[in-house]
Amino acid sequence: MQPALQRPAQFILGGDLDRTGPVTLSELRALPASRQAMGGARAQVGASLWSVLEHAGIQVDASRRNDLLNRYVLVTGSDGRKVVFSLAELSPHFGNRQGLVAYAESVDGALSQQPGPAGLQILASGDVQGGRHVAWPARVDVRSSASTVPEQGDVVSNAVRVSGAVRRPGTFDLAALKALPAVTRTVGADTYVGASLWHLLNTTLGLAAGQPLGMYVVASGSDGQKAVVSIGEIDPAAGNQPILVAYQVNGVPIDVDGFARLVVPNDARKSRHVSSLMALEVFVARP
């Protein structure tokens, strides 16, 4: 019998970072260690994915409003499988689900010294299931979204156009949004009513065939603000985040800054709340 092929415990960083290239096991161990419980007495140990990216120097365009929110992270496995995180969901300033680049396992407090049979793994912190867990990652790339929606200045939106990688693209005005099942979310002192972003994209319009965990949506406001949400972030079997397209707040219509607003209830800051929402573009992530 031939011995199993030993894969290197490293992956390549690419994209919009100051320092790209291989990330080795020794470099990962030099970063602050984090743990992710795996049930019972088991835990995965490694460096947070956010800390790896931050250490490499995340590039942003200072001339663009909240440019970090318009970026995503594409993880490609050695088998070619791709999963996406929005940069904001990883950031401790927003979603704070930092991910984990696991290089060791702890069992009953005893720590392994080398990656196990699964090798290095990138784990999605807090996901319901492991669909965004990637064993033997080959690449991690940071990219700006592919959004092409231009700023509209002082124009106030009265409809949201949904386009891109959906089976039935369409435009939703207030009546069309209200025709969808209504959900209610409380954010701080405010109570919002609107349509679930997952229901709108997956059930009403239908995500295009392929791997939805390798896709993302960009919400654009008429003032030029953009915010990326990974499809895995809102998938009930993955991140299960209750993000909505809201049309009512505290019992009254949202009509000052457009008729609808993207609301991300569990973010630490409201920067991904996109007012005067005018477009939702769905993309398959590209490296």
Protein backbone atom coordinates (compact mmCIF):
# COMPACT_ATOMS: atom_id res chain seq x y z
CA MET A 1 0.00 0.00 0.00
CA GLN A 2 1.29 3.45 -0.91
CA PRO A 3 1.61 5.90 1.99
CA ALA A 4 -0.90 8.74 2.14
CA LEU A 5 0.25 11.92 0.41
CA GLN A 6 1.34 14.50 3.00
CA ARG A 7 -0.05 17.92 2.13
CA PRO A 8 1.75 21.06 3.31
CA ALA A 9 0.17 22.82 6.29
CA GLN A 10 -0.14 26.16 4.55
CA PHE A 11 -2.35 28.14 2.17
CA ILE A 12 -1.97 31.17 -0.08
CA LEU A 13 -3.26 34.65 0.79
CA GLY A 14 -4.22 36.79 -2.19
CA GLY A 15 -6.21 39.78 -3.30
CA ASP A 16 -6.50 43.15 -1.61
CA LEU A 17 -3.91 42.67 1.12
CA ASP A 18 -0.57 44.37 1.79
CA ARG A 19 1.20 41.04 2.22
CA THR A 20 0.20 38.14 0.00
CA GLY A 21 1.70 34.69 -0.45
CA PRO A 22 1.99 31.53 1.66
CA VAL A 23 0.79 31.42 5.26
CA THR A 24 2.62 28.66 7.13
CA LEU A 25 1.80 26.73 10.27
CA SER A 26 4.51 28.55 12.22
CA GLU A 27 3.04 31.90 11.19
CA LEU A 28 -0.41 30.83 12.30
CA ARG A 29 0.95 29.70 15.67
CA ALA A 30 2.59 33.10 16.15
CA LEU A 31 -0.85 34.79 16.14
CA PRO A 32 -3.13 34.86 19.22
CA ALA A 33 -4.77 31.47 19.70
CA SER A 34 -8.55 31.03 19.67
CA ARG A 35 -10.74 28.03 20.37
CA GLN A 36 -13.97 26.79 18.85
CA ALA A 37 -15.96 24.17 20.76
CA MET A 38 -16.84 21.07 18.72
CA GLY A 39 -19.00 19.25 21.25
CA GLY A 40 -18.17 17.33 24.39
CA ALA A 41 -14.58 17.80 25.49
CA ARG A 42 -13.32 18.55 21.96
CA ALA A 43 -12.30 21.95 20.62
CA GLN A 44 -10.48 23.20 17.55
CA VAL A 45 -7.57 25.53 18.23
CA GLY A 46 -6.08 28.06 15.84
CA ALA A 47 -5.86 31.69 14.80
CA SER A 48 -9.00 33.63 13.93
CA LEU A 49 -9.44 34.17 10.20
CA TRP A 50 -9.93 37.86 10.93
CA SER A 51 -6.56 38.08 12.72
CA VAL A 52 -4.83 36.38 9.76
CA LEU A 53 -6.29 38.94 7.36
CA GLU A 54 -5.68 41.88 9.66
CA HIS A 55 -2.06 40.79 10.16
CA ALA A 56 -1.65 40.71 6.36
CA GLY A 57 -2.98 44.27 6.08
CA ILE A 58 -6.49 44.63 4.63
CA GLN A 59 -6.54 47.23 1.88
CA VAL A 60 -9.44 49.69 1.68
CA ASP A 61 -10.10 52.68 -0.55
CA ALA A 62 -10.31 55.69 1.76
CA SER A 63 -12.14 57.66 -0.94
CA ARG A 64 -15.09 55.28 -0.80
CA ARG A 65 -17.61 55.34 2.02
CA ASN A 66 -17.19 52.36 4.39
CA ASP A 67 -15.22 50.50 1.73
CA LEU A 68 -14.54 47.53 4.03
CA LEU A 69 -18.27 46.75 3.93
CA ASN A 70 -18.09 46.31 0.15
CA ARG A 71 -15.55 43.45 0.35
CA TYR A 72 -15.71 39.68 0.70
CA VAL A 73 -13.39 36.79 1.55
CA LEU A 74 -13.28 33.80 -0.77
CA VAL A 75 -11.91 30.56 0.67
CA THR A 76 -10.97 27.91 -1.91
CA GLY A 77 -10.32 24.35 -0.78
CA SER A 78 -7.70 22.07 -2.30
CA ASP A 79 -10.65 20.20 -3.85
CA GLY A 80 -11.82 23.38 -5.60
CA ARG A 81 -14.81 24.00 -3.34
CA LYS A 82 -15.45 27.69 -2.64
CA VAL A 83 -17.13 29.41 0.30
CA VAL A 84 -17.63 33.12 0.94
CA PHE A 85 -17.63 35.34 4.00
CA SER A 86 -18.40 39.02 3.93
CA LEU A 87 -15.49 40.93 5.42
CA ALA A 88 -17.97 42.69 7.70
CA GLU A 89 -19.31 39.45 9.20
CA LEU A 90 -15.75 38.53 10.24
CA SER A 91 -14.88 41.98 11.59
CA PRO A 92 -15.13 42.41 15.39
CA HIS A 93 -16.57 45.87 14.70
CA PHE A 94 -19.59 44.46 12.84
CA GLY A 95 -20.64 40.78 12.71
CA ASN A 96 -17.81 39.61 14.98
CA ARG A 97 -18.04 36.01 13.74
CA GLN A 98 -14.31 35.94 13.15
CA GLY A 99 -13.85 32.43 11.76
CA LEU A 100 -11.04 30.10 12.77
CA VAL A 101 -8.00 28.76 10.92
CA ALA A 102 -7.67 25.60 12.99
CA TYR A 103 -4.30 23.86 13.21
CA ALA A 104 -4.72 21.70 16.33
CA GLU A 105 -7.35 19.90 18.37
CA SER A 106 -7.86 19.92 22.11
CA VAL A 107 -9.40 16.85 23.74
CA ASP A 108 -9.93 16.93 27.49
CA GLY A 109 -7.41 19.77 27.63
CA ALA A 110 -4.67 17.86 25.78
CA LEU A 111 -3.50 19.75 22.68
CA SER A 112 -2.30 18.02 19.52
CA GLN A 113 0.94 19.42 18.12
CA GLN A 114 0.26 18.87 14.41
CA PRO A 115 -2.83 19.15 12.19
CA GLY A 116 -4.88 15.96 12.25
CA PRO A 117 -6.14 13.96 9.24
CA ALA A 118 -8.26 16.93 8.11
CA GLY A 119 -5.17 19.15 8.06
CA LEU A 120 -5.59 22.87 8.38
CA GLN A 121 -9.26 23.81 8.49
CA ILE A 122 -11.11 27.08 8.12
CA LEU A 123 -14.21 27.03 10.29
CA ALA A 124 -17.19 29.36 10.19
CA SER A 125 -17.77 30.62 13.73
CA GLY A 126 -21.33 30.20 14.94
CA ASP A 127 -22.72 28.49 11.83
CA VAL A 128 -25.57 26.03 12.43
CA GLN A 129 -23.95 23.35 10.28
CA GLY A 130 -20.50 22.87 8.78
CA GLY A 131 -21.19 23.76 5.15
CA ARG A 132 -18.70 26.64 5.27
CA HIS A 133 -15.98 24.57 6.98
CA VAL A 134 -13.10 24.00 4.55
CA ALA A 135 -10.46 21.34 5.17
CA TRP A 136 -7.08 21.79 3.47
CA PRO A 137 -7.71 25.36 2.25
CA ALA A 138 -5.62 26.23 -0.80
CA ARG A 139 -6.31 29.97 -1.06
CA VAL A 140 -7.92 32.83 0.84
CA ASP A 141 -8.60 35.93 -1.27
CA VAL A 142 -9.98 39.33 -0.24
CA ARG A 143 -11.84 41.14 -3.01
CA SER A 144 -14.08 44.13 -3.63
CA SER A 145 -17.60 43.27 -4.72
CA ALA A 146 -18.48 43.23 -8.42
CA SER A 147 -21.31 45.73 -7.91
CA THR A 148 -21.89 48.13 -10.80
CA VAL A 149 -24.75 50.21 -9.33
CA PRO A 150 -23.79 53.91 -9.47
CA GLU A 151 -24.49 56.52 -6.82
CA GLN A 152 -27.73 58.42 -7.45
CA GLY A 153 -27.06 61.46 -5.28
CA ASP A 154 -30.18 62.95 -3.70
CA VAL A 155 -32.56 60.55 -5.42
CA VAL A 156 -34.81 58.76 -2.91
CA SER A 157 -35.56 55.16 -3.81
CA ASN A 158 -39.12 53.93 -4.29
CA ALA A 159 -38.26 50.39 -5.47
CA VAL A 160 -35.54 47.76 -5.10
CA ARG A 161 -34.19 46.06 -8.21
CA VAL A 162 -32.88 42.51 -7.66
CA SER A 163 -30.52 41.21 -10.33
CA GLY A 164 -27.63 38.87 -10.97
CA ALA A 165 -27.43 35.19 -10.03
CA VAL A 166 -31.13 34.66 -9.36
CA ARG A 167 -33.56 32.70 -11.52
CA ARG A 168 -36.29 35.35 -11.59
CA PRO A 169 -34.84 38.89 -11.37
CA GLY A 170 -37.38 41.54 -10.48
CA THR A 171 -38.22 44.90 -9.00
CA PHE A 172 -40.00 45.31 -5.67
CA ASP A 173 -41.90 48.41 -4.65
CA LEU A 174 -43.59 48.81 -1.27
CA ALA A 175 -46.67 46.79 -2.26
CA ALA A 176 -44.52 43.94 -3.59
CA LEU A 177 -42.42 43.80 -0.40
CA LYS A 178 -45.56 43.82 1.74
CA ALA A 179 -46.91 40.87 -0.24
CA LEU A 180 -44.05 38.74 1.10
CA PRO A 181 -44.21 37.11 4.56
CA ALA A 182 -43.52 39.82 7.14
CA VAL A 183 -40.85 39.40 9.81
CA THR A 184 -40.19 41.59 12.85
CA ARG A 185 -36.75 42.29 14.31
CA THR A 186 -35.76 44.52 17.23
CA VAL A 187 -32.44 46.35 16.99
CA GLY A 188 -31.66 48.36 20.10
CA ALA A 189 -34.65 50.62 20.74
CA ASP A 190 -36.06 50.18 17.21
CA THR A 191 -38.47 47.54 15.95
CA TYR A 192 -38.38 46.85 12.21
CA VAL A 193 -40.88 45.05 10.00
CA GLY A 194 -39.98 43.82 6.54
CA ALA A 195 -39.14 40.84 4.33
CA SER A 196 -36.47 38.28 5.15
CA LEU A 197 -33.52 38.72 2.79
CA TRP A 198 -33.09 34.93 2.61
CA HIS A 199 -36.76 34.39 1.74
CA LEU A 200 -36.66 37.11 -0.90
CA LEU A 201 -33.56 35.74 -2.65
CA ASN A 202 -33.94 31.99 -2.16
CA THR A 203 -37.68 31.38 -2.06
CA THR A 204 -39.27 34.23 -4.01
CA LEU A 205 -36.63 34.71 -6.72
CA GLY A 206 -34.58 31.52 -6.50
CA LEU A 207 -30.80 31.54 -6.25
CA ALA A 208 -29.11 30.44 -9.46
CA ALA A 209 -27.99 26.82 -9.68
CA GLY A 210 -24.60 26.08 -8.19
CA GLN A 211 -23.05 26.40 -4.77
CA PRO A 212 -24.90 29.10 -2.79
CA LEU A 213 -22.21 29.17 -0.10
CA GLY A 214 -19.88 30.55 -2.77
CA MET A 215 -22.19 33.51 -3.48
CA TYR A 216 -22.86 36.95 -2.03
CA VAL A 217 -25.31 39.82 -2.40
CA VAL A 218 -24.52 43.54 -2.51
CA ALA A 219 -27.05 46.02 -1.13
CA SER A 220 -26.73 49.50 -2.66
CA GLY A 221 -28.30 52.72 -1.45
CA SER A 222 -28.99 55.72 -3.65
CA ASP A 223 -26.29 57.67 -1.75
CA GLY A 224 -23.61 55.22 -2.91
CA GLN A 225 -23.39 53.15 0.26
CA LYS A 226 -22.78 49.45 -0.39
CA ALA A 227 -22.78 46.46 1.94
CA VAL A 228 -21.89 42.84 1.16
CA VAL A 229 -23.81 39.97 2.76
CA SER A 230 -22.61 36.45 2.01
CA ILE A 231 -25.37 34.00 1.13
CA GLY A 232 -23.94 31.66 3.76
CA GLU A 233 -24.45 34.40 6.33
CA ILE A 234 -28.25 34.28 5.83
CA ASP A 235 -28.68 30.59 4.89
CA PRO A 236 -30.68 28.95 7.75
CA ALA A 237 -28.37 25.92 7.54
CA ALA A 238 -25.24 28.06 7.85
CA GLY A 239 -24.96 31.54 9.44
CA ASN A 240 -28.75 31.87 9.89
CA GLN A 241 -28.54 35.65 10.38
CA PRO A 242 -32.00 37.33 10.43
CA ILE A 243 -31.19 40.09 7.93
CA LEU A 244 -34.20 41.82 6.41
CA VAL A 245 -35.35 44.41 3.90
CA ALA A 246 -37.36 46.64 6.22
CA TYR A 247 -40.16 48.99 5.19
CA GLN A 248 -41.47 49.92 8.64
CA VAL A 249 -39.80 51.07 11.88
CA ASN A 250 -41.52 51.57 15.24
CA GLY A 251 -44.93 51.24 13.66
CA VAL A 252 -44.49 53.86 10.92
CA PRO A 253 -43.33 53.55 7.30
CA ILE A 254 -39.67 54.12 6.43
CA ASP A 255 -40.17 57.14 4.16
CA VAL A 256 -37.51 59.69 5.14
CA ASP A 257 -34.49 57.95 3.57
CA GLY A 258 -36.24 55.98 0.87
CA PHE A 259 -38.99 53.43 1.35
CA ALA A 260 -36.82 50.46 2.38
CA ARG A 261 -33.67 49.76 4.37
CA LEU A 262 -31.36 46.77 4.69
CA VAL A 263 -31.22 45.90 8.40
CA VAL A 264 -28.54 43.62 9.90
CA PRO A 265 -29.84 43.07 13.45
CA ASN A 266 -26.86 41.30 15.03
CA ASP A 267 -24.05 43.57 13.84
CA ALA A 268 -22.32 45.53 16.59
CA ARG A 269 -22.70 48.71 14.53
CA LYS A 270 -25.40 49.82 12.10
CA SER A 271 -23.03 50.57 9.23
CA ARG A 272 -24.50 47.76 7.09
CA HIS A 273 -27.97 49.25 7.51
CA VAL A 274 -28.33 50.57 3.95
CA SER A 275 -30.94 53.34 3.72
CA SER A 276 -32.72 54.38 0.51
CA LEU A 277 -32.15 50.82 -0.69
CA MET A 278 -32.34 50.69 -4.46
CA ALA A 279 -30.56 47.50 -5.58
CA LEU A 280 -29.64 43.97 -4.55
CA GLU A 281 -27.09 42.30 -6.85
CA VAL A 282 -26.32 38.59 -6.40
CA PHE A 283 -22.93 37.28 -7.53
CA VAL A 284 -20.97 34.05 -7.67
CA ALA A 285 -17.65 34.95 -6.03
CA ARG A 286 -14.57 35.11 -8.21
CA PRO A 287 -10.94 34.95 -6.97
